[in-house]
Amino acid sequence: MVAEGNIAGLRPGQKVRSIQGRDRGHEYLIVGFEGDRFLLVADGVKRTPARLKRKNLRHLQVSPLVDREIEQKITGGGRVTAEDIRRALARLRKTEPEEGE
């Protein structure tokens, strides 16, 4: 997993939503970067840190929300578990404004 070399200001722990592919509408957290076009993402359920999803940046809608706990673990070289990712996504869903607000 490559935590450094972020793309266009994106950060580890940042929430993204798939807009292309079978997983359209699914929410993930960024856990790594691959090259200058691909992100490694996980949701903590089907896509765990042991089984990351590689997504093209153009196929994702990026949220400004970042889970600081996950970001610190990844950039500090710590281990992130599937449970950490599930909890972080739940926290970010609570802080996100509802549609139409």
PDB file of N, CA and C in Angstrom:
ATOM      1  N   MET A   1       0.845  -1.172   0.000  1.00  0.00           N
ATOM      2  CA  MET A   1       0.000   0.000   0.000  1.00  0.00           C
ATOM      3  C   MET A   1       0.892   1.237   0.000  1.00  0.00           C
ATOM      4  N   VAL A   2       0.576   2.189  -0.844  1.00  0.00           N
ATOM      5  CA  VAL A   2       1.347   3.416  -0.948  1.00  0.00           C
ATOM      6  C   VAL A   2       0.532   4.538  -0.336  1.00  0.00           C
ATOM      7  N   ALA A   3       0.947   5.029   0.817  1.00  0.00           N
ATOM      8  CA  ALA A   3       0.196   6.079   1.500  1.00  0.00           C
ATOM      9  C   ALA A   3       0.634   7.463   1.053  1.00  0.00           C
ATOM     10  N   GLU A   4       1.847   7.573   0.595  1.00  0.00           N
ATOM     11  CA  GLU A   4       2.369   8.876   0.188  1.00  0.00           C
ATOM     12  C   GLU A   4       2.095   9.109  -1.302  1.00  0.00           C
ATOM     13  N   GLY A   5       2.431  10.293  -1.774  1.00  0.00           N
ATOM     14  CA  GLY A   5       2.264  10.597  -3.189  1.00  0.00           C
ATOM     15  C   GLY A   5       0.819  10.895  -3.538  1.00  0.00           C
ATOM     16  N   ASN A   6       0.146  11.640  -2.648  1.00  0.00           N
ATOM     17  CA  ASN A   6      -1.268  11.879  -2.889  1.00  0.00           C
ATOM     18  C   ASN A   6      -1.514  12.624  -4.194  1.00  0.00           C
ATOM     19  N   ILE A   7      -2.691  12.442  -4.713  1.00  0.00           N
ATOM     20  CA  ILE A   7      -3.085  12.973  -6.020  1.00  0.00           C
ATOM     21  C   ILE A   7      -3.933  14.218  -5.811  1.00  0.00           C
ATOM     22  N   ALA A   8      -3.533  15.315  -6.409  1.00  0.00           N
ATOM     23  CA  ALA A   8      -4.326  16.541  -6.447  1.00  0.00           C
ATOM     24  C   ALA A   8      -4.928  16.923  -5.091  1.00  0.00           C
ATOM     25  N   GLY A   9      -4.144  16.841  -4.037  1.00  0.00           N
ATOM     26  CA  GLY A   9      -4.615  17.260  -2.722  1.00  0.00           C
ATOM     27  C   GLY A   9      -5.479  16.254  -1.988  1.00  0.00           C
ATOM     28  N   LEU A  10      -5.660  15.068  -2.519  1.00  0.00           N
ATOM     29  CA  LEU A  10      -6.434  14.040  -1.816  1.00  0.00           C
ATOM     30  C   LEU A  10      -5.617  13.495  -0.658  1.00  0.00           C
ATOM     31  N   ARG A  11      -6.321  13.054   0.390  1.00  0.00           N
ATOM     32  CA  ARG A  11      -5.636  12.589   1.592  1.00  0.00           C
ATOM     33  C   ARG A  11      -6.121  11.209   2.004  1.00  0.00           C
ATOM     34  N   PRO A  12      -5.260  10.424   2.643  1.00  0.00           N
ATOM     35  CA  PRO A  12      -5.715   9.147   3.197  1.00  0.00           C
ATOM     36  C   PRO A  12      -6.812   9.409   4.220  1.00  0.00           C
ATOM     37  N   GLY A  13      -7.826   8.568   4.242  1.00  0.00           N
ATOM     38  CA  GLY A  13      -8.938   8.754   5.171  1.00  0.00           C
ATOM     39  C   GLY A  13     -10.052   9.606   4.613  1.00  0.00           C
ATOM     40  N   GLN A  14      -9.879  10.103   3.391  1.00  0.00           N
ATOM     41  CA  GLN A  14     -10.905  10.946   2.774  1.00  0.00           C
ATOM     42  C   GLN A  14     -12.013  10.070   2.192  1.00  0.00           C
ATOM     43  N   LYS A  15     -13.249  10.522   2.342  1.00  0.00           N
ATOM     44  CA  LYS A  15     -14.407   9.761   1.884  1.00  0.00           C
ATOM     45  C   LYS A  15     -14.630  10.004   0.388  1.00  0.00           C
ATOM     46  N   VAL A  16     -14.914   8.921  -0.338  1.00  0.00           N
ATOM     47  CA  VAL A  16     -15.231   9.002  -1.757  1.00  0.00           C
ATOM     48  C   VAL A  16     -16.449   8.126  -2.038  1.00  0.00           C
ATOM     49  N   ARG A  17     -17.124   8.412  -3.154  1.00  0.00           N
ATOM     50  CA  ARG A  17     -18.285   7.624  -3.575  1.00  0.00           C
ATOM     51  C   ARG A  17     -18.066   7.218  -5.025  1.00  0.00           C
ATOM     52  N   SER A  18     -18.298   5.960  -5.321  1.00  0.00           N
ATOM     53  CA  SER A  18     -18.137   5.451  -6.678  1.00  0.00           C
ATOM     54  C   SER A  18     -19.262   5.979  -7.567  1.00  0.00           C
ATOM     55  N   ILE A  19     -18.908   6.479  -8.749  1.00  0.00           N
ATOM     56  CA  ILE A  19     -19.917   6.953  -9.698  1.00  0.00           C
ATOM     57  C   ILE A  19     -19.908   6.125 -10.982  1.00  0.00           C
ATOM     58  N   GLN A  20     -19.007   5.152 -11.077  1.00  0.00           N
ATOM     59  CA  GLN A  20     -18.919   4.271 -12.237  1.00  0.00           C
ATOM     60  C   GLN A  20     -18.675   2.853 -11.791  1.00  0.00           C
ATOM     61  N   GLY A  21     -19.200   1.906 -12.532  1.00  0.00           N
ATOM     62  CA  GLY A  21     -18.942   0.503 -12.247  1.00  0.00           C
ATOM     63  C   GLY A  21     -20.065  -0.152 -11.471  1.00  0.00           C
ATOM     64  N   ARG A  22     -19.886  -1.423 -11.190  1.00  0.00           N
ATOM     65  CA  ARG A  22     -20.891  -2.194 -10.445  1.00  0.00           C
ATOM     66  C   ARG A  22     -21.150  -1.654  -9.058  1.00  0.00           C
ATOM     67  N   ASP A  23     -20.142  -1.028  -8.498  1.00  0.00           N
ATOM     68  CA  ASP A  23     -20.246  -0.516  -7.128  1.00  0.00           C
ATOM     69  C   ASP A  23     -20.741   0.928  -7.082  1.00  0.00           C
ATOM     70  N   ARG A  24     -21.372   1.402  -8.149  1.00  0.00           N
ATOM     71  CA  ARG A  24     -21.868   2.785  -8.219  1.00  0.00           C
ATOM     72  C   ARG A  24     -22.703   3.118  -6.984  1.00  0.00           C
ATOM     73  N   GLY A  25     -22.416   4.261  -6.363  1.00  0.00           N
ATOM     74  CA  GLY A  25     -23.133   4.698  -5.172  1.00  0.00           C
ATOM     75  C   GLY A  25     -22.520   4.219  -3.871  1.00  0.00           C
ATOM     76  N   HIS A  26     -21.537   3.356  -3.947  1.00  0.00           N
ATOM     77  CA  HIS A  26     -20.910   2.790  -2.746  1.00  0.00           C
ATOM     78  C   HIS A  26     -19.878   3.765  -2.182  1.00  0.00           C
ATOM     79  N   GLU A  27     -19.829   3.884  -0.857  1.00  0.00           N
ATOM     80  CA  GLU A  27     -18.889   4.799  -0.205  1.00  0.00           C
ATOM     81  C   GLU A  27     -17.661   4.051   0.288  1.00  0.00           C
ATOM     82  N   TYR A  28     -16.512   4.709   0.146  1.00  0.00           N
ATOM     83  CA  TYR A  28     -15.231   4.146   0.557  1.00  0.00           C
ATOM     84  C   TYR A  28     -14.404   5.213   1.247  1.00  0.00           C
ATOM     85  N   LEU A  29     -13.311   4.781   1.862  1.00  0.00           N
ATOM     86  CA  LEU A  29     -12.275   5.688   2.355  1.00  0.00           C
ATOM     87  C   LEU A  29     -11.016   5.441   1.547  1.00  0.00           C
ATOM     88  N   ILE A  30     -10.289   6.508   1.254  1.00  0.00           N
ATOM     89  CA  ILE A  30      -9.007   6.376   0.564  1.00  0.00           C
ATOM     90  C   ILE A  30      -7.996   5.834   1.570  1.00  0.00           C
ATOM     91  N   VAL A  31      -7.309   4.754   1.192  1.00  0.00           N
ATOM     92  CA  VAL A  31      -6.275   4.209   2.065  1.00  0.00           C
ATOM     93  C   VAL A  31      -4.914   4.181   1.387  1.00  0.00           C
ATOM     94  N   GLY A  32      -4.866   4.530   0.104  1.00  0.00           N
ATOM     95  CA  GLY A  32      -3.585   4.548  -0.589  1.00  0.00           C
ATOM     96  C   GLY A  32      -3.711   5.111  -1.990  1.00  0.00           C
ATOM     97  N   PHE A  33      -2.562   5.290  -2.619  1.00  0.00           N
ATOM     98  CA  PHE A  33      -2.488   5.854  -3.964  1.00  0.00           C
ATOM     99  C   PHE A  33      -1.608   4.968  -4.823  1.00  0.00           C
ATOM    100  N   GLU A  34      -1.972   4.850  -6.097  1.00  0.00           N
ATOM    101  CA  GLU A  34      -1.194   4.036  -7.016  1.00  0.00           C
ATOM    102  C   GLU A  34      -1.023   4.835  -8.303  1.00  0.00           C
ATOM    103  N   GLY A  35       0.180   5.298  -8.536  1.00  0.00           N
ATOM    104  CA  GLY A  35       0.427   6.124  -9.710  1.00  0.00           C
ATOM    105  C   GLY A  35      -0.233   7.481  -9.570  1.00  0.00           C
ATOM    106  N   ASP A  36      -0.570   8.089 -10.711  1.00  0.00           N
ATOM    107  CA  ASP A  36      -1.177   9.419 -10.663  1.00  0.00           C
ATOM    108  C   ASP A  36      -2.658   9.406 -11.023  1.00  0.00           C
ATOM    109  N   ARG A  37      -3.254   8.207 -11.209  1.00  0.00           N
ATOM    110  CA  ARG A  37      -4.662   8.135 -11.586  1.00  0.00           C
ATOM    111  C   ARG A  37      -5.498   7.213 -10.719  1.00  0.00           C
ATOM    112  N   PHE A  38      -4.860   6.360  -9.939  1.00  0.00           N
ATOM    113  CA  PHE A  38      -5.619   5.345  -9.215  1.00  0.00           C
ATOM    114  C   PHE A  38      -5.525   5.510  -7.702  1.00  0.00           C
ATOM    115  N   LEU A  39      -6.637   5.203  -7.051  1.00  0.00           N
ATOM    116  CA  LEU A  39      -6.715   5.234  -5.599  1.00  0.00           C
ATOM    117  C   LEU A  39      -6.980   3.826  -5.099  1.00  0.00           C
ATOM    118  N   LEU A  40      -6.486   3.518  -3.923  1.00  0.00           N
ATOM    119  CA  LEU A  40      -6.800   2.262  -3.261  1.00  0.00           C
ATOM    120  C   LEU A  40      -7.798   2.599  -2.166  1.00  0.00           C
ATOM    121  N   VAL A  41      -8.979   1.990  -2.245  1.00  0.00           N
ATOM    122  CA  VAL A  41     -10.053   2.333  -1.326  1.00  0.00           C
ATOM    123  C   VAL A  41     -10.556   1.089  -0.597  1.00  0.00           C
ATOM    124  N   ALA A  42     -11.201   1.312   0.555  1.00  0.00           N
ATOM    125  CA  ALA A  42     -11.760   0.220   1.351  1.00  0.00           C
ATOM    126  C   ALA A  42     -13.039   0.713   2.023  1.00  0.00           C
ATOM    127  N   ASP A  43     -13.958  -0.236   2.271  1.00  0.00           N
ATOM    128  CA  ASP A  43     -15.188   0.094   2.987  1.00  0.00           C
ATOM    129  C   ASP A  43     -15.286  -0.621   4.334  1.00  0.00           C
ATOM    130  N   GLY A  44     -14.354  -1.534   4.593  1.00  0.00           N
ATOM    131  CA  GLY A  44     -14.343  -2.246   5.860  1.00  0.00           C
ATOM    132  C   GLY A  44     -15.276  -3.442   5.908  1.00  0.00           C
ATOM    133  N   VAL A  45     -16.049  -3.672   4.850  1.00  0.00           N
ATOM    134  CA  VAL A  45     -16.964  -4.812   4.804  1.00  0.00           C
ATOM    135  C   VAL A  45     -16.460  -5.782   3.743  1.00  0.00           C
ATOM    136  N   LYS A  46     -16.791  -5.505   2.491  1.00  0.00           N
ATOM    137  CA  LYS A  46     -16.312  -6.354   1.395  1.00  0.00           C
ATOM    138  C   LYS A  46     -14.861  -6.007   1.040  1.00  0.00           C
ATOM    139  N   ARG A  47     -14.557  -4.740   1.071  1.00  0.00           N
ATOM    140  CA  ARG A  47     -13.207  -4.269   0.755  1.00  0.00           C
ATOM    141  C   ARG A  47     -12.499  -3.884   2.043  1.00  0.00           C
ATOM    142  N   THR A  48     -11.675  -4.798   2.516  1.00  0.00           N
ATOM    143  CA  THR A  48     -10.931  -4.599   3.753  1.00  0.00           C
ATOM    144  C   THR A  48      -9.501  -4.171   3.409  1.00  0.00           C
ATOM    145  N   PRO A  49      -8.705  -3.784   4.400  1.00  0.00           N
ATOM    146  CA  PRO A  49      -7.319  -3.433   4.112  1.00  0.00           C
ATOM    147  C   PRO A  49      -6.526  -4.574   3.464  1.00  0.00           C
ATOM    148  N   ALA A  50      -6.962  -5.806   3.669  1.00  0.00           N
ATOM    149  CA  ALA A  50      -6.288  -6.947   3.046  1.00  0.00           C
ATOM    150  C   ALA A  50      -6.767  -7.171   1.605  1.00  0.00           C
ATOM    151  N   ARG A  51      -7.884  -6.556   1.243  1.00  0.00           N
ATOM    152  CA  ARG A  51      -8.484  -6.764  -0.075  1.00  0.00           C
ATOM    153  C   ARG A  51      -8.980  -5.420  -0.623  1.00  0.00           C
ATOM    154  N   LEU A  52      -8.055  -4.520  -0.921  1.00  0.00           N
ATOM    155  CA  LEU A  52      -8.392  -3.168  -1.350  1.00  0.00           C
ATOM    156  C   LEU A  52      -8.966  -3.145  -2.759  1.00  0.00           C
ATOM    157  N   LYS A  53      -9.762  -2.125  -3.034  1.00  0.00           N
ATOM    158  CA  LYS A  53     -10.325  -1.898  -4.362  1.00  0.00           C
ATOM    159  C   LYS A  53      -9.497  -0.810  -5.036  1.00  0.00           C
ATOM    160  N   ARG A  54      -9.082  -1.062  -6.248  1.00  0.00           N
ATOM    161  CA  ARG A  54      -8.328  -0.078  -7.035  1.00  0.00           C
ATOM    162  C   ARG A  54      -9.322   0.646  -7.936  1.00  0.00           C
ATOM    163  N   LYS A  55      -9.464   1.964  -7.759  1.00  0.00           N
ATOM    164  CA  LYS A  55     -10.432   2.741  -8.532  1.00  0.00           C
ATOM    165  C   LYS A  55      -9.735   3.895  -9.237  1.00  0.00           C
ATOM    166  N   ASN A  56     -10.179   4.130 -10.460  1.00  0.00           N
ATOM    167  CA  ASN A  56      -9.710   5.274 -11.234  1.00  0.00           C
ATOM    168  C   ASN A  56     -10.297   6.534 -10.602  1.00  0.00           C
ATOM    169  N   LEU A  57      -9.485   7.547 -10.440  1.00  0.00           N
ATOM    170  CA  LEU A  57      -9.927   8.808  -9.839  1.00  0.00           C
ATOM    171  C   LEU A  57     -11.131   9.393 -10.572  1.00  0.00           C
ATOM    172  N   ARG A  58     -11.177   9.225 -11.893  1.00  0.00           N
ATOM    173  CA  ARG A  58     -12.291   9.772 -12.680  1.00  0.00           C
ATOM    174  C   ARG A  58     -13.605   9.066 -12.388  1.00  0.00           C
ATOM    175  N   HIS A  59     -13.563   7.913 -11.760  1.00  0.00           N
ATOM    176  CA  HIS A  59     -14.767   7.150 -11.463  1.00  0.00           C
ATOM    177  C   HIS A  59     -15.258   7.346 -10.034  1.00  0.00           C
ATOM    178  N   LEU A  60     -14.723   8.385  -9.374  1.00  0.00           N
ATOM    179  CA  LEU A  60     -15.083   8.646  -7.983  1.00  0.00           C
ATOM    180  C   LEU A  60     -15.532  10.092  -7.793  1.00  0.00           C
ATOM    181  N   GLN A  61     -16.492  10.266  -6.897  1.00  0.00           N
ATOM    182  CA  GLN A  61     -16.895  11.595  -6.453  1.00  0.00           C
ATOM    183  C   GLN A  61     -16.221  11.793  -5.097  1.00  0.00           C
ATOM    184  N   VAL A  62     -15.425  12.835  -4.982  1.00  0.00           N
ATOM    185  CA  VAL A  62     -14.634  13.054  -3.767  1.00  0.00           C
ATOM    186  C   VAL A  62     -15.390  13.969  -2.816  1.00  0.00           C
ATOM    187  N   SER A  63     -15.467  13.544  -1.572  1.00  0.00           N
ATOM    188  CA  SER A  63     -16.084  14.341  -0.508  1.00  0.00           C
ATOM    189  C   SER A  63     -14.980  15.141   0.187  1.00  0.00           C
ATOM    190  N   PRO A  64     -15.307  16.310   0.730  1.00  0.00           N
ATOM    191  CA  PRO A  64     -14.288  17.066   1.476  1.00  0.00           C
ATOM    192  C   PRO A  64     -14.024  16.476   2.859  1.00  0.00           C
ATOM    193  N   LEU A  65     -14.834  15.512   3.299  1.00  0.00           N
ATOM    194  CA  LEU A  65     -14.707  14.944   4.638  1.00  0.00           C
ATOM    195  C   LEU A  65     -13.529  13.987   4.734  1.00  0.00           C
ATOM    196  N   VAL A  66     -12.732  14.160   5.788  1.00  0.00           N
ATOM    197  CA  VAL A  66     -11.572  13.299   6.040  1.00  0.00           C
ATOM    198  C   VAL A  66     -11.640  12.832   7.484  1.00  0.00           C
ATOM    199  N   ASP A  67     -11.454  11.540   7.697  1.00  0.00           N
ATOM    200  CA  ASP A  67     -11.393  11.016   9.061  1.00  0.00           C
ATOM    201  C   ASP A  67      -9.948  11.145   9.535  1.00  0.00           C
ATOM    202  N   ARG A  68      -9.727  12.013  10.493  1.00  0.00           N
ATOM    203  CA  ARG A  68      -8.371  12.316  10.974  1.00  0.00           C
ATOM    204  C   ARG A  68      -7.687  11.105  11.608  1.00  0.00           C
ATOM    205  N   GLU A  69      -8.453  10.277  12.298  1.00  0.00           N
ATOM    206  CA  GLU A  69      -7.880   9.100  12.957  1.00  0.00           C
ATOM    207  C   GLU A  69      -7.274   8.150  11.920  1.00  0.00           C
ATOM    208  N   ILE A  70      -7.997   7.884  10.856  1.00  0.00           N
ATOM    209  CA  ILE A  70      -7.500   7.003   9.791  1.00  0.00           C
ATOM    210  C   ILE A  70      -6.310   7.651   9.094  1.00  0.00           C
ATOM    211  N   GLU A  71      -6.418   8.940   8.818  1.00  0.00           N
ATOM    212  CA  GLU A  71      -5.320   9.657   8.153  1.00  0.00           C
ATOM    213  C   GLU A  71      -4.032   9.558   8.975  1.00  0.00           C
ATOM    214  N   GLN A  72      -4.129   9.766  10.287  1.00  0.00           N
ATOM    215  CA  GLN A  72      -2.950   9.705  11.148  1.00  0.00           C
ATOM    216  C   GLN A  72      -2.352   8.309  11.196  1.00  0.00           C
ATOM    217  N   LYS A  73      -3.207   7.300  11.257  1.00  0.00           N
ATOM    218  CA  LYS A  73      -2.700   5.921  11.286  1.00  0.00           C
ATOM    219  C   LYS A  73      -1.950   5.594  10.002  1.00  0.00           C
ATOM    220  N   ILE A  74      -2.529   5.941   8.854  1.00  0.00           N
ATOM    221  CA  ILE A  74      -1.910   5.600   7.570  1.00  0.00           C
ATOM    222  C   ILE A  74      -0.622   6.373   7.362  1.00  0.00           C
ATOM    223  N   THR A  75      -0.644   7.684   7.590  1.00  0.00           N
ATOM    224  CA  THR A  75       0.561   8.478   7.357  1.00  0.00           C
ATOM    225  C   THR A  75       1.640   8.179   8.387  1.00  0.00           C
ATOM    226  N   GLY A  76       1.241   7.717   9.574  1.00  0.00           N
ATOM    227  CA  GLY A  76       2.203   7.369  10.604  1.00  0.00           C
ATOM    228  C   GLY A  76       2.740   5.957  10.472  1.00  0.00           C
ATOM    229  N   GLY A  77       2.287   5.239   9.458  1.00  0.00           N
ATOM    230  CA  GLY A  77       2.767   3.881   9.242  1.00  0.00           C
ATOM    231  C   GLY A  77       2.071   2.835  10.094  1.00  0.00           C
ATOM    232  N   GLY A  78       0.972   3.241  10.739  1.00  0.00           N
ATOM    233  CA  GLY A  78       0.231   2.298  11.575  1.00  0.00           C
ATOM    234  C   GLY A  78      -0.655   1.385  10.750  1.00  0.00           C
ATOM    235  N   ARG A  79      -1.229   0.388  11.432  1.00  0.00           N
ATOM    236  CA  ARG A  79      -2.110  -0.563  10.767  1.00  0.00           C
ATOM    237  C   ARG A  79      -3.558  -0.131  10.919  1.00  0.00           C
ATOM    238  N   VAL A  80      -4.297  -0.163   9.835  1.00  0.00           N
ATOM    239  CA  VAL A  80      -5.714   0.172   9.855  1.00  0.00           C
ATOM    240  C   VAL A  80      -6.491  -1.121   9.683  1.00  0.00           C
ATOM    241  N   THR A  81      -7.473  -1.343  10.548  1.00  0.00           N
ATOM    242  CA  THR A  81      -8.277  -2.558  10.462  1.00  0.00           C
ATOM    243  C   THR A  81      -9.602  -2.274   9.754  1.00  0.00           C
ATOM    244  N   ALA A  82     -10.292  -3.342   9.375  1.00  0.00           N
ATOM    245  CA  ALA A  82     -11.607  -3.212   8.744  1.00  0.00           C
ATOM    246  C   ALA A  82     -12.576  -2.513   9.699  1.00  0.00           C
ATOM    247  N   GLU A  83     -12.477  -2.836  10.978  1.00  0.00           N
ATOM    248  CA  GLU A  83     -13.340  -2.202  11.981  1.00  0.00           C
ATOM    249  C   GLU A  83     -13.076  -0.696  12.061  1.00  0.00           C
ATOM    250  N   ASP A  84     -11.815  -0.269  11.983  1.00  0.00           N
ATOM    251  CA  ASP A  84     -11.476   1.158  11.981  1.00  0.00           C
ATOM    252  C   ASP A  84     -12.160   1.863  10.815  1.00  0.00           C
ATOM    253  N   ILE A  85     -12.128   1.239   9.654  1.00  0.00           N
ATOM    254  CA  ILE A  85     -12.709   1.845   8.454  1.00  0.00           C
ATOM    255  C   ILE A  85     -14.228   1.923   8.569  1.00  0.00           C
ATOM    256  N   ARG A  86     -14.870   0.860   9.061  1.00  0.00           N
ATOM    257  CA  ARG A  86     -16.330   0.884   9.241  1.00  0.00           C
ATOM    258  C   ARG A  86     -16.751   1.988  10.206  1.00  0.00           C
ATOM    259  N   ARG A  87     -16.033   2.106  11.322  1.00  0.00           N
ATOM    260  CA  ARG A  87     -16.346   3.156  12.300  1.00  0.00           C
ATOM    261  C   ARG A  87     -16.142   4.552  11.714  1.00  0.00           C
ATOM    262  N   ALA A  88     -15.060   4.722  10.951  1.00  0.00           N
ATOM    263  CA  ALA A  88     -14.770   6.026  10.354  1.00  0.00           C
ATOM    264  C   ALA A  88     -15.856   6.420   9.355  1.00  0.00           C
ATOM    265  N   LEU A  89     -16.286   5.483   8.520  1.00  0.00           N
ATOM    266  CA  LEU A  89     -17.351   5.786   7.562  1.00  0.00           C
ATOM    267  C   LEU A  89     -18.644   6.152   8.283  1.00  0.00           C
ATOM    268  N   ALA A  90     -18.955   5.449   9.361  1.00  0.00           N
ATOM    269  CA  ALA A  90     -20.160   5.761  10.144  1.00  0.00           C
ATOM    270  C   ALA A  90     -20.066   7.174  10.732  1.00  0.00           C
ATOM    271  N   ARG A  91     -18.899   7.539  11.249  1.00  0.00           N
ATOM    272  CA  ARG A  91     -18.703   8.896  11.800  1.00  0.00           C
ATOM    273  C   ARG A  91     -18.889   9.951  10.718  1.00  0.00           C
ATOM    274  N   LEU A  92     -18.311   9.705   9.534  1.00  0.00           N
ATOM    275  CA  LEU A  92     -18.403  10.684   8.459  1.00  0.00           C
ATOM    276  C   LEU A  92     -19.829  10.812   7.940  1.00  0.00           C
ATOM    277  N   ARG A  93     -20.587   9.724   7.934  1.00  0.00           N
ATOM    278  CA  ARG A  93     -21.997   9.797   7.501  1.00  0.00           C
ATOM    279  C   ARG A  93     -22.809  10.677   8.438  1.00  0.00           C
ATOM    280  N   LYS A  94     -22.483  10.645   9.732  1.00  0.00           N
ATOM    281  CA  LYS A  94     -23.200  11.468  10.713  1.00  0.00           C
ATOM    282  C   LYS A  94     -22.909  12.945  10.538  1.00  0.00           C
ATOM    283  N   THR A  95     -21.693  13.289  10.095  1.00  0.00           N
ATOM    284  CA  THR A  95     -21.320  14.693   9.973  1.00  0.00           C
ATOM    285  C   THR A  95     -21.683  15.281   8.627  1.00  0.00           C
ATOM    286  N   GLU A  96     -22.043  14.436   7.669  1.00  0.00           N
ATOM    287  CA  GLU A  96     -22.365  14.916   6.328  1.00  0.00           C
ATOM    288  C   GLU A  96     -23.771  15.527   6.323  1.00  0.00           C
ATOM    289  N   PRO A  97     -23.943  16.705   5.707  1.00  0.00           N
ATOM    290  CA  PRO A  97     -25.272  17.315   5.641  1.00  0.00           C
ATOM    291  C   PRO A  97     -26.195  16.491   4.747  1.00  0.00           C
ATOM    292  N   GLU A  98     -27.478  16.513   5.083  1.00  0.00           N
ATOM    293  CA  GLU A  98     -28.475  15.788   4.282  1.00  0.00           C
ATOM    294  C   GLU A  98     -28.644  16.463   2.920  1.00  0.00           C
ATOM    295  N   GLU A  99     -29.073  15.679   1.934  1.00  0.00           N
ATOM    296  CA  GLU A  99     -29.341  16.228   0.592  1.00  0.00           C
ATOM    297  C   GLU A  99     -30.401  17.313   0.703  1.00  0.00           C
ATOM    298  N   GLY A 100     -30.189  18.423   0.001  1.00  0.00           N
ATOM    299  CA  GLY A 100     -31.171  19.493  -0.033  1.00  0.00           C
ATOM    300  C   GLY A 100     -31.047  20.503   1.085  1.00  0.00           C
ATOM    301  N   GLU A 101     -30.073  20.356   1.965  1.00  0.00           N
ATOM    302  CA  GLU A 101     -29.898  21.335   3.050  1.00  0.00           C
ATOM    303  C   GLU A 101     -29.089  22.498   2.572  1.00  0.00           C
TER     304      GLU A 101
END
